[in-house]
Structures are given as C-alpha cells and as structure tokens.
Amino acid sequence: MEVFLLTKPPRSDRTELCLQLAEGSIDSILYLAGDGVYNLLEVESLQGFVVKRIMACKEDLMARGVEAKELAIVPENFYEHLVKDMLLSDNKIYTF
C-alpha cells in the first residue's frame, strides 16, 4: 500500500505532484493534514482519485472551518491511524 500525507493547499506544485503520483497507485491512502484539508473544498480534484480511503485531521478541519462531508473519514485519533499505516512493513510513504 502507498500512504500519501498531504499538507499543502490545492493548486500548489506539491499538491499536484502528490495527486499525480496517487492517481497512478493501485492501493493507496490519502491523509490530509494542515493546509492539506483545503483540498476537500476542491471536490473536482479528488473525484477521479481512486484511493482506499481519504483521512482528514479533525483539529485541522476545525481550525480552518472546513467540512469533510462524505469525502473523507475524520477519526478522533488521526495521527494514530497515520502511524499505524506508516509502520506496516510493505507500505511506501510519501509526504508533501
């Protein structure tokens, strides 16, 4: 599985690169933290995105006034989920 951690806002060069890499992945998870949660406002950029799941940090959503709606899972323990996925031996991790 490929784990993508995106902390950059929509239309940044790093966000574009992250989404391009993730589009080519067969088995991936997208974690949104920091300004990365703003990508939930750009629905069209995530609609063609085939991932197992999209996870968003609750505290970062609240701090920025963004709602995840049905686009992302918002767990109470975001970083615990992230670390568990990162620790799996066969996973690849990409951060942007």
PDB file of N, CA and C in Angstrom:
ATOM      1  N   MET A   1       0.848  -1.175   0.000  1.00  0.00           N
ATOM      2  CA  MET A   1       0.000   0.000   0.000  1.00  0.00           C
ATOM      3  C   MET A   1       0.896   1.241   0.000  1.00  0.00           C
ATOM      4  N   GLU A   2       0.404   2.293  -0.597  1.00  0.00           N
ATOM      5  CA  GLU A   2       1.123   3.561  -0.612  1.00  0.00           C
ATOM      6  C   GLU A   2       0.352   4.570   0.241  1.00  0.00           C
ATOM      7  N   VAL A   3       1.075   5.198   1.156  1.00  0.00           N
ATOM      8  CA  VAL A   3       0.486   6.170   2.077  1.00  0.00           C
ATOM      9  C   VAL A   3       0.948   7.558   1.644  1.00  0.00           C
ATOM     10  N   PHE A   4      -0.008   8.440   1.373  1.00  0.00           N
ATOM     11  CA  PHE A   4       0.292   9.814   0.969  1.00  0.00           C
ATOM     12  C   PHE A   4      -0.156  10.760   2.070  1.00  0.00           C
ATOM     13  N   LEU A   5       0.767  11.575   2.580  1.00  0.00           N
ATOM     14  CA  LEU A   5       0.444  12.609   3.564  1.00  0.00           C
ATOM     15  C   LEU A   5       0.560  13.953   2.860  1.00  0.00           C
ATOM     16  N   LEU A   6      -0.566  14.633   2.723  1.00  0.00           N
ATOM     17  CA  LEU A   6      -0.610  15.911   2.009  1.00  0.00           C
ATOM     18  C   LEU A   6      -0.910  17.038   2.984  1.00  0.00           C
ATOM     19  N   THR A   7       0.012  17.988   3.079  1.00  0.00           N
ATOM     20  CA  THR A   7      -0.155  19.134   3.982  1.00  0.00           C
ATOM     21  C   THR A   7      -0.208  20.460   3.230  1.00  0.00           C
ATOM     22  N   LYS A   8      -0.242  20.391   1.915  1.00  0.00           N
ATOM     23  CA  LYS A   8      -0.241  21.603   1.087  1.00  0.00           C
ATOM     24  C   LYS A   8      -1.639  21.891   0.537  1.00  0.00           C
ATOM     25  N   PRO A   9      -1.953  23.177   0.291  1.00  0.00           N
ATOM     26  CA  PRO A   9      -3.282  23.550  -0.217  1.00  0.00           C
ATOM     27  C   PRO A   9      -3.444  23.200  -1.698  1.00  0.00           C
ATOM     28  N   PRO A  10      -4.684  23.269  -2.188  1.00  0.00           N
ATOM     29  CA  PRO A  10      -4.942  22.996  -3.609  1.00  0.00           C
ATOM     30  C   PRO A  10      -4.114  23.904  -4.520  1.00  0.00           C
ATOM     31  N   ARG A  11      -3.836  23.387  -5.690  1.00  0.00           N
ATOM     32  CA  ARG A  11      -3.123  24.104  -6.746  1.00  0.00           C
ATOM     33  C   ARG A  11      -1.666  24.419  -6.429  1.00  0.00           C
ATOM     34  N   SER A  12      -1.120  23.920  -5.335  1.00  0.00           N
ATOM     35  CA  SER A  12       0.315  24.104  -5.123  1.00  0.00           C
ATOM     36  C   SER A  12       1.038  23.042  -5.952  1.00  0.00           C
ATOM     37  N   ASP A  13       2.282  23.298  -6.290  1.00  0.00           N
ATOM     38  CA  ASP A  13       3.044  22.339  -7.092  1.00  0.00           C
ATOM     39  C   ASP A  13       3.140  20.986  -6.395  1.00  0.00           C
ATOM     40  N   ARG A  14       3.333  21.015  -5.092  1.00  0.00           N
ATOM     41  CA  ARG A  14       3.463  19.760  -4.340  1.00  0.00           C
ATOM     42  C   ARG A  14       2.144  18.989  -4.300  1.00  0.00           C
ATOM     43  N   THR A  15       1.032  19.704  -4.210  1.00  0.00           N
ATOM     44  CA  THR A  15      -0.272  19.038  -4.225  1.00  0.00           C
ATOM     45  C   THR A  15      -0.493  18.365  -5.567  1.00  0.00           C
ATOM     46  N   GLU A  16      -0.192  19.070  -6.640  1.00  0.00           N
ATOM     47  CA  GLU A  16      -0.352  18.498  -7.980  1.00  0.00           C
ATOM     48  C   GLU A  16       0.500  17.241  -8.135  1.00  0.00           C
ATOM     49  N   LEU A  17       1.733  17.291  -7.655  1.00  0.00           N
ATOM     50  CA  LEU A  17       2.620  16.136  -7.741  1.00  0.00           C
ATOM     51  C   LEU A  17       2.079  14.969  -6.914  1.00  0.00           C
ATOM     52  N   CYS A  18       1.618  15.257  -5.709  1.00  0.00           N
ATOM     53  CA  CYS A  18       1.047  14.223  -4.842  1.00  0.00           C
ATOM     54  C   CYS A  18      -0.130  13.537  -5.514  1.00  0.00           C
ATOM     55  N   LEU A  19      -1.047  14.318  -6.055  1.00  0.00           N
ATOM     56  CA  LEU A  19      -2.240  13.753  -6.680  1.00  0.00           C
ATOM     57  C   LEU A  19      -1.901  12.970  -7.949  1.00  0.00           C
ATOM     58  N   GLN A  20      -0.892  13.430  -8.697  1.00  0.00           N
ATOM     59  CA  GLN A  20      -0.463  12.689  -9.886  1.00  0.00           C
ATOM     60  C   GLN A  20       0.110  11.328  -9.500  1.00  0.00           C
ATOM     61  N   LEU A  21       0.948  11.317  -8.467  1.00  0.00           N
ATOM     62  CA  LEU A  21       1.527  10.051  -8.011  1.00  0.00           C
ATOM     63  C   LEU A  21       0.450   9.111  -7.485  1.00  0.00           C
ATOM     64  N   ALA A  22      -0.469   9.653  -6.726  1.00  0.00           N
ATOM     65  CA  ALA A  22      -1.527   8.835  -6.130  1.00  0.00           C
ATOM     66  C   ALA A  22      -2.470   8.275  -7.194  1.00  0.00           C
ATOM     67  N   GLU A  23      -2.704   9.025  -8.266  1.00  0.00           N
ATOM     68  CA  GLU A  23      -3.573   8.549  -9.352  1.00  0.00           C
ATOM     69  C   GLU A  23      -3.010   7.291  -9.999  1.00  0.00           C
ATOM     70  N   GLY A  24      -1.699   7.200 -10.033  1.00  0.00           N
ATOM     71  CA  GLY A  24      -1.055   6.031 -10.632  1.00  0.00           C
ATOM     72  C   GLY A  24      -0.958   4.844  -9.694  1.00  0.00           C
ATOM     73  N   SER A  25      -1.378   5.022  -8.474  1.00  0.00           N
ATOM     74  CA  SER A  25      -1.290   3.959  -7.477  1.00  0.00           C
ATOM     75  C   SER A  25      -2.543   3.084  -7.502  1.00  0.00           C
ATOM     76  N   ILE A  26      -2.346   1.809  -7.323  1.00  0.00           N
ATOM     77  CA  ILE A  26      -3.469   0.870  -7.296  1.00  0.00           C
ATOM     78  C   ILE A  26      -4.063   0.773  -5.893  1.00  0.00           C
ATOM     79  N   ASP A  27      -3.212   0.877  -4.880  1.00  0.00           N
ATOM     80  CA  ASP A  27      -3.623   0.661  -3.493  1.00  0.00           C
ATOM     81  C   ASP A  27      -3.045   1.783  -2.633  1.00  0.00           C
ATOM     82  N   SER A  28      -3.828   2.835  -2.392  1.00  0.00           N
ATOM     83  CA  SER A  28      -3.287   3.980  -1.657  1.00  0.00           C
ATOM     84  C   SER A  28      -4.284   4.563  -0.663  1.00  0.00           C
ATOM     85  N   ILE A  29      -3.722   5.276   0.300  1.00  0.00           N
ATOM     86  CA  ILE A  29      -4.492   6.011   1.305  1.00  0.00           C
ATOM     87  C   ILE A  29      -3.978   7.442   1.286  1.00  0.00           C
ATOM     88  N   LEU A  30      -4.882   8.406   1.299  1.00  0.00           N
ATOM     89  CA  LEU A  30      -4.513   9.817   1.327  1.00  0.00           C
ATOM     90  C   LEU A  30      -4.858  10.395   2.693  1.00  0.00           C
ATOM     91  N   TYR A  31      -3.843  10.924   3.374  1.00  0.00           N
ATOM     92  CA  TYR A  31      -4.033  11.606   4.653  1.00  0.00           C
ATOM     93  C   TYR A  31      -3.907  13.108   4.413  1.00  0.00           C
ATOM     94  N   LEU A  32      -4.889  13.870   4.887  1.00  0.00           N
ATOM     95  CA  LEU A  32      -4.882  15.327   4.743  1.00  0.00           C
ATOM     96  C   LEU A  32      -4.702  15.962   6.113  1.00  0.00           C
ATOM     97  N   ALA A  33      -3.663  16.791   6.232  1.00  0.00           N
ATOM     98  CA  ALA A  33      -3.393  17.497   7.486  1.00  0.00           C
ATOM     99  C   ALA A  33      -2.946  18.912   7.156  1.00  0.00           C
ATOM    100  N   GLY A  34      -2.981  19.790   8.153  1.00  0.00           N
ATOM    101  CA  GLY A  34      -2.586  21.177   7.930  1.00  0.00           C
ATOM    102  C   GLY A  34      -3.421  21.789   6.817  1.00  0.00           C
ATOM    103  N   ASP A  35      -2.763  22.564   5.953  1.00  0.00           N
ATOM    104  CA  ASP A  35      -3.474  23.186   4.829  1.00  0.00           C
ATOM    105  C   ASP A  35      -3.951  22.164   3.795  1.00  0.00           C
ATOM    106  N   GLY A  36      -3.514  20.925   3.922  1.00  0.00           N
ATOM    107  CA  GLY A  36      -3.971  19.869   3.021  1.00  0.00           C
ATOM    108  C   GLY A  36      -5.470  19.627   3.095  1.00  0.00           C
ATOM    109  N   VAL A  37      -6.090  19.968   4.240  1.00  0.00           N
ATOM    110  CA  VAL A  37      -7.543  19.766   4.370  1.00  0.00           C
ATOM    111  C   VAL A  37      -8.324  20.663   3.413  1.00  0.00           C
ATOM    112  N   TYR A  38      -7.717  21.757   2.954  1.00  0.00           N
ATOM    113  CA  TYR A  38      -8.394  22.625   1.983  1.00  0.00           C
ATOM    114  C   TYR A  38      -8.678  21.895   0.668  1.00  0.00           C
ATOM    115  N   ASN A  39      -7.968  20.800   0.410  1.00  0.00           N
ATOM    116  CA  ASN A  39      -8.220  20.028  -0.806  1.00  0.00           C
ATOM    117  C   ASN A  39      -9.615  19.431  -0.820  1.00  0.00           C
ATOM    118  N   LEU A  40     -10.244  19.306   0.331  1.00  0.00           N
ATOM    119  CA  LEU A  40     -11.622  18.823   0.391  1.00  0.00           C
ATOM    120  C   LEU A  40     -12.598  19.836  -0.197  1.00  0.00           C
ATOM    121  N   LEU A  41     -12.176  21.095  -0.294  1.00  0.00           N
ATOM    122  CA  LEU A  41     -13.011  22.128  -0.908  1.00  0.00           C
ATOM    123  C   LEU A  41     -12.940  22.070  -2.434  1.00  0.00           C
ATOM    124  N   GLU A  42     -11.906  21.450  -2.944  1.00  0.00           N
ATOM    125  CA  GLU A  42     -11.701  21.303  -4.390  1.00  0.00           C
ATOM    126  C   GLU A  42     -12.169  19.910  -4.798  1.00  0.00           C
ATOM    127  N   VAL A  43     -13.446  19.682  -4.706  1.00  0.00           N
ATOM    128  CA  VAL A  43     -14.022  18.353  -4.915  1.00  0.00           C
ATOM    129  C   VAL A  43     -13.614  17.759  -6.256  1.00  0.00           C
ATOM    130  N   GLU A  44     -13.596  18.568  -7.292  1.00  0.00           N
ATOM    131  CA  GLU A  44     -13.282  18.041  -8.617  1.00  0.00           C
ATOM    132  C   GLU A  44     -11.878  17.454  -8.685  1.00  0.00           C
ATOM    133  N   SER A  45     -10.942  17.972  -7.898  1.00  0.00           N
ATOM    134  CA  SER A  45      -9.586  17.427  -7.933  1.00  0.00           C
ATOM    135  C   SER A  45      -9.501  16.067  -7.250  1.00  0.00           C
ATOM    136  N   LEU A  46     -10.454  15.753  -6.383  1.00  0.00           N
ATOM    137  CA  LEU A  46     -10.436  14.477  -5.665  1.00  0.00           C
ATOM    138  C   LEU A  46     -11.425  13.458  -6.223  1.00  0.00           C
ATOM    139  N   GLN A  47     -12.337  13.874  -7.100  1.00  0.00           N
ATOM    140  CA  GLN A  47     -13.373  12.963  -7.589  1.00  0.00           C
ATOM    141  C   GLN A  47     -12.822  11.810  -8.416  1.00  0.00           C
ATOM    142  N   GLY A  48     -11.856  12.055  -9.238  1.00  0.00           N
ATOM    143  CA  GLY A  48     -11.283  10.991 -10.053  1.00  0.00           C
ATOM    144  C   GLY A  48     -10.210  10.213  -9.324  1.00  0.00           C
ATOM    145  N   PHE A  49     -10.052  10.509  -8.098  1.00  0.00           N
ATOM    146  CA  PHE A  49      -8.995   9.961  -7.266  1.00  0.00           C
ATOM    147  C   PHE A  49      -9.416   8.605  -6.720  1.00  0.00           C
ATOM    148  N   VAL A  50      -8.709   7.559  -7.102  1.00  0.00           N
ATOM    149  CA  VAL A  50      -9.052   6.214  -6.646  1.00  0.00           C
ATOM    150  C   VAL A  50      -8.120   5.836  -5.501  1.00  0.00           C
ATOM    151  N   VAL A  51      -8.640   5.901  -4.295  1.00  0.00           N
ATOM    152  CA  VAL A  51      -7.872   5.517  -3.113  1.00  0.00           C
ATOM    153  C   VAL A  51      -8.745   4.626  -2.244  1.00  0.00           C
ATOM    154  N   LYS A  52      -8.084   3.866  -1.392  1.00  0.00           N
ATOM    155  CA  LYS A  52      -8.826   3.037  -0.450  1.00  0.00           C
ATOM    156  C   LYS A  52      -9.648   3.917   0.470  1.00  0.00           C
ATOM    157  N   ARG A  53      -9.001   4.980   0.941  1.00  0.00           N
ATOM    158  CA  ARG A  53      -9.715   5.924   1.801  1.00  0.00           C
ATOM    159  C   ARG A  53      -8.961   7.245   1.865  1.00  0.00           C
ATOM    160  N   ILE A  54      -9.717   8.296   2.205  1.00  0.00           N
ATOM    161  CA  ILE A  54      -9.145   9.615   2.463  1.00  0.00           C
ATOM    162  C   ILE A  54      -9.408   9.906   3.929  1.00  0.00           C
ATOM    163  N   MET A  55      -8.347  10.246   4.651  1.00  0.00           N
ATOM    164  CA  MET A  55      -8.443  10.554   6.074  1.00  0.00           C
ATOM    165  C   MET A  55      -8.104  12.031   6.262  1.00  0.00           C
ATOM    166  N   ALA A  56      -8.859  12.725   7.102  1.00  0.00           N
ATOM    167  CA  ALA A  56      -8.601  14.146   7.359  1.00  0.00           C
ATOM    168  C   ALA A  56      -8.467  14.378   8.858  1.00  0.00           C
ATOM    169  N   CYS A  57      -7.568  15.265   9.225  1.00  0.00           N
ATOM    170  CA  CYS A  57      -7.314  15.593  10.626  1.00  0.00           C
ATOM    171  C   CYS A  57      -8.425  16.500  11.162  1.00  0.00           C
ATOM    172  N   LYS A  58      -9.109  16.030  12.182  1.00  0.00           N
ATOM    173  CA  LYS A  58     -10.248  16.753  12.761  1.00  0.00           C
ATOM    174  C   LYS A  58      -9.851  18.145  13.254  1.00  0.00           C
ATOM    175  N   GLU A  59      -8.739  18.234  13.973  1.00  0.00           N
ATOM    176  CA  GLU A  59      -8.302  19.522  14.519  1.00  0.00           C
ATOM    177  C   GLU A  59      -7.998  20.525  13.415  1.00  0.00           C
ATOM    178  N   ASP A  60      -7.388  20.056  12.327  1.00  0.00           N
ATOM    179  CA  ASP A  60      -7.060  20.954  11.216  1.00  0.00           C
ATOM    180  C   ASP A  60      -8.313  21.381  10.453  1.00  0.00           C
ATOM    181  N   LEU A  61      -9.276  20.482  10.326  1.00  0.00           N
ATOM    182  CA  LEU A  61     -10.560  20.851   9.713  1.00  0.00           C
ATOM    183  C   LEU A  61     -11.244  21.940  10.532  1.00  0.00           C
ATOM    184  N   MET A  62     -11.301  21.731  11.840  1.00  0.00           N
ATOM    185  CA  MET A  62     -11.964  22.694  12.724  1.00  0.00           C
ATOM    186  C   MET A  62     -11.247  24.041  12.716  1.00  0.00           C
ATOM    187  N   ALA A  63      -9.919  24.029  12.747  1.00  0.00           N
ATOM    188  CA  ALA A  63      -9.142  25.268  12.779  1.00  0.00           C
ATOM    189  C   ALA A  63      -9.330  26.095  11.512  1.00  0.00           C
ATOM    190  N   ARG A  64      -9.626  25.421  10.404  1.00  0.00           N
ATOM    191  CA  ARG A  64      -9.761  26.108   9.117  1.00  0.00           C
ATOM    192  C   ARG A  64     -11.213  26.246   8.656  1.00  0.00           C
ATOM    193  N   GLY A  65     -12.137  25.758   9.451  1.00  0.00           N
ATOM    194  CA  GLY A  65     -13.556  25.873   9.107  1.00  0.00           C
ATOM    195  C   GLY A  65     -13.964  25.064   7.890  1.00  0.00           C
ATOM    196  N   VAL A  66     -13.319  23.930   7.688  1.00  0.00           N
ATOM    197  CA  VAL A  66     -13.600  23.072   6.536  1.00  0.00           C
ATOM    198  C   VAL A  66     -14.406  21.860   7.003  1.00  0.00           C
ATOM    199  N   GLU A  67     -15.396  21.464   6.197  1.00  0.00           N
ATOM    200  CA  GLU A  67     -16.186  20.265   6.492  1.00  0.00           C
ATOM    201  C   GLU A  67     -15.784  19.147   5.536  1.00  0.00           C
ATOM    202  N   ALA A  68     -15.622  17.958   6.077  1.00  0.00           N
ATOM    203  CA  ALA A  68     -15.211  16.816   5.258  1.00  0.00           C
ATOM    204  C   ALA A  68     -16.370  16.227   4.467  1.00  0.00           C
ATOM    205  N   LYS A  69     -17.591  16.374   4.972  1.00  0.00           N
ATOM    206  CA  LYS A  69     -18.786  15.770   4.360  1.00  0.00           C
ATOM    207  C   LYS A  69     -18.544  14.281   4.148  1.00  0.00           C
ATOM    208  N   GLU A  70     -18.906  13.738   2.996  1.00  0.00           N
ATOM    209  CA  GLU A  70     -18.705  12.310   2.745  1.00  0.00           C
ATOM    210  C   GLU A  70     -17.377  12.021   2.050  1.00  0.00           C
ATOM    211  N   LEU A  71     -16.579  13.041   1.819  1.00  0.00           N
ATOM    212  CA  LEU A  71     -15.344  12.845   1.068  1.00  0.00           C
ATOM    213  C   LEU A  71     -14.251  12.149   1.861  1.00  0.00           C
ATOM    214  N   ALA A  72     -14.245  12.333   3.172  1.00  0.00           N
ATOM    215  CA  ALA A  72     -13.142  11.812   3.974  1.00  0.00           C
ATOM    216  C   ALA A  72     -13.631  11.262   5.302  1.00  0.00           C
ATOM    217  N   ILE A  73     -12.842  10.359   5.837  1.00  0.00           N
ATOM    218  CA  ILE A  73     -13.051   9.847   7.187  1.00  0.00           C
ATOM    219  C   ILE A  73     -12.332  10.798   8.128  1.00  0.00           C
ATOM    220  N   VAL A  74     -12.989  11.174   9.219  1.00  0.00           N
ATOM    221  CA  VAL A  74     -12.395  12.102  10.188  1.00  0.00           C
ATOM    222  C   VAL A  74     -12.330  11.394  11.545  1.00  0.00           C
ATOM    223  N   PRO A  75     -11.240  10.677  11.796  1.00  0.00           N
ATOM    224  CA  PRO A  75     -11.139   9.947  13.055  1.00  0.00           C
ATOM    225  C   PRO A  75     -10.739  10.857  14.213  1.00  0.00           C
ATOM    226  N   GLU A  76     -11.067  10.429  15.408  1.00  0.00           N
ATOM    227  CA  GLU A  76     -10.643  11.158  16.613  1.00  0.00           C
ATOM    228  C   GLU A  76      -9.122  11.086  16.763  1.00  0.00           C
ATOM    229  N   ASN A  77      -8.543   9.981  16.335  1.00  0.00           N
ATOM    230  CA  ASN A  77      -7.112   9.725  16.524  1.00  0.00           C
ATOM    231  C   ASN A  77      -6.387   9.642  15.169  1.00  0.00           C
ATOM    232  N   PHE A  78      -6.427  10.721  14.433  1.00  0.00           N
ATOM    233  CA  PHE A  78      -5.856  10.808  13.086  1.00  0.00           C
ATOM    234  C   PHE A  78      -4.406  10.331  13.035  1.00  0.00           C
ATOM    235  N   TYR A  79      -3.561  10.867  13.917  1.00  0.00           N
ATOM    236  CA  TYR A  79      -2.136  10.546  13.859  1.00  0.00           C
ATOM    237  C   TYR A  79      -1.852   9.104  14.264  1.00  0.00           C
ATOM    238  N   GLU A  80      -2.684   8.528  15.098  1.00  0.00           N
ATOM    239  CA  GLU A  80      -2.537   7.113  15.446  1.00  0.00           C
ATOM    240  C   GLU A  80      -2.775   6.247  14.209  1.00  0.00           C
ATOM    241  N   HIS A  81      -3.803   6.570  13.434  1.00  0.00           N
ATOM    242  CA  HIS A  81      -4.071   5.841  12.184  1.00  0.00           C
ATOM    243  C   HIS A  81      -2.914   6.016  11.204  1.00  0.00           C
ATOM    244  N   LEU A  82      -2.424   7.236  11.092  1.00  0.00           N
ATOM    245  CA  LEU A  82      -1.319   7.519  10.175  1.00  0.00           C
ATOM    246  C   LEU A  82      -0.085   6.700  10.545  1.00  0.00           C
ATOM    247  N   VAL A  83       0.269   6.711  11.810  1.00  0.00           N
ATOM    248  CA  VAL A  83       1.460   5.980  12.256  1.00  0.00           C
ATOM    249  C   VAL A  83       1.287   4.478  12.042  1.00  0.00           C
ATOM    250  N   LYS A  84       0.118   3.950  12.330  1.00  0.00           N
ATOM    251  CA  LYS A  84      -0.116   2.514  12.101  1.00  0.00           C
ATOM    252  C   LYS A  84       0.076   2.157  10.632  1.00  0.00           C
ATOM    253  N   ASP A  85      -0.467   2.978   9.740  1.00  0.00           N
ATOM    254  CA  ASP A  85      -0.295   2.710   8.311  1.00  0.00           C
ATOM    255  C   ASP A  85       1.157   2.874   7.878  1.00  0.00           C
ATOM    256  N   MET A  86       1.868   3.800   8.489  1.00  0.00           N
ATOM    257  CA  MET A  86       3.271   4.015   8.142  1.00  0.00           C
ATOM    258  C   MET A  86       4.156   2.860   8.607  1.00  0.00           C
ATOM    259  N   LEU A  87       3.787   2.224   9.699  1.00  0.00           N
ATOM    260  CA  LEU A  87       4.624   1.173  10.275  1.00  0.00           C
ATOM    261  C   LEU A  87       4.482  -0.183   9.594  1.00  0.00           C
ATOM    262  N   LEU A  88       3.463  -0.356   8.790  1.00  0.00           N
ATOM    263  CA  LEU A  88       3.329  -1.631   8.088  1.00  0.00           C
ATOM    264  C   LEU A  88       4.521  -1.809   7.153  1.00  0.00           C
ATOM    265  N   SER A  89       5.156  -2.950   7.236  1.00  0.00           N
ATOM    266  CA  SER A  89       6.452  -3.152   6.584  1.00  0.00           C
ATOM    267  C   SER A  89       6.441  -3.018   5.063  1.00  0.00           C
ATOM    268  N   ASP A  90       5.340  -3.357   4.434  1.00  0.00           N
ATOM    269  CA  ASP A  90       5.333  -3.308   2.974  1.00  0.00           C
ATOM    270  C   ASP A  90       4.797  -1.997   2.405  1.00  0.00           C
ATOM    271  N   ASN A  91       4.503  -1.042   3.262  1.00  0.00           N
ATOM    272  CA  ASN A  91       3.956   0.239   2.802  1.00  0.00           C
ATOM    273  C   ASN A  91       5.052   1.196   2.356  1.00  0.00           C
ATOM    274  N   LYS A  92       4.718   2.019   1.381  1.00  0.00           N
ATOM    275  CA  LYS A  92       5.584   3.114   0.944  1.00  0.00           C
ATOM    276  C   LYS A  92       4.927   4.398   1.416  1.00  0.00           C
ATOM    277  N   ILE A  93       5.741   5.352   1.867  1.00  0.00           N
ATOM    278  CA  ILE A  93       5.210   6.599   2.425  1.00  0.00           C
ATOM    279  C   ILE A  93       5.734   7.776   1.613  1.00  0.00           C
ATOM    280  N   TYR A  94       4.810   8.667   1.228  1.00  0.00           N
ATOM    281  CA  TYR A  94       5.156   9.883   0.502  1.00  0.00           C
ATOM    282  C   TYR A  94       4.576  11.064   1.262  1.00  0.00           C
ATOM    283  N   THR A  95       5.382  12.086   1.490  1.00  0.00           N
ATOM    284  CA  THR A  95       4.883  13.274   2.194  1.00  0.00           C
ATOM    285  C   THR A  95       5.052  14.507   1.319  1.00  0.00           C
ATOM    286  N   PHE A  96       4.026  15.339   1.339  1.00  0.00           N
ATOM    287  CA  PHE A  96       4.020  16.574   0.549  1.00  0.00           C
ATOM    288  C   PHE A  96       3.499  17.704   1.398  1.00  0.00           C
TER     289      PHE A  96
END
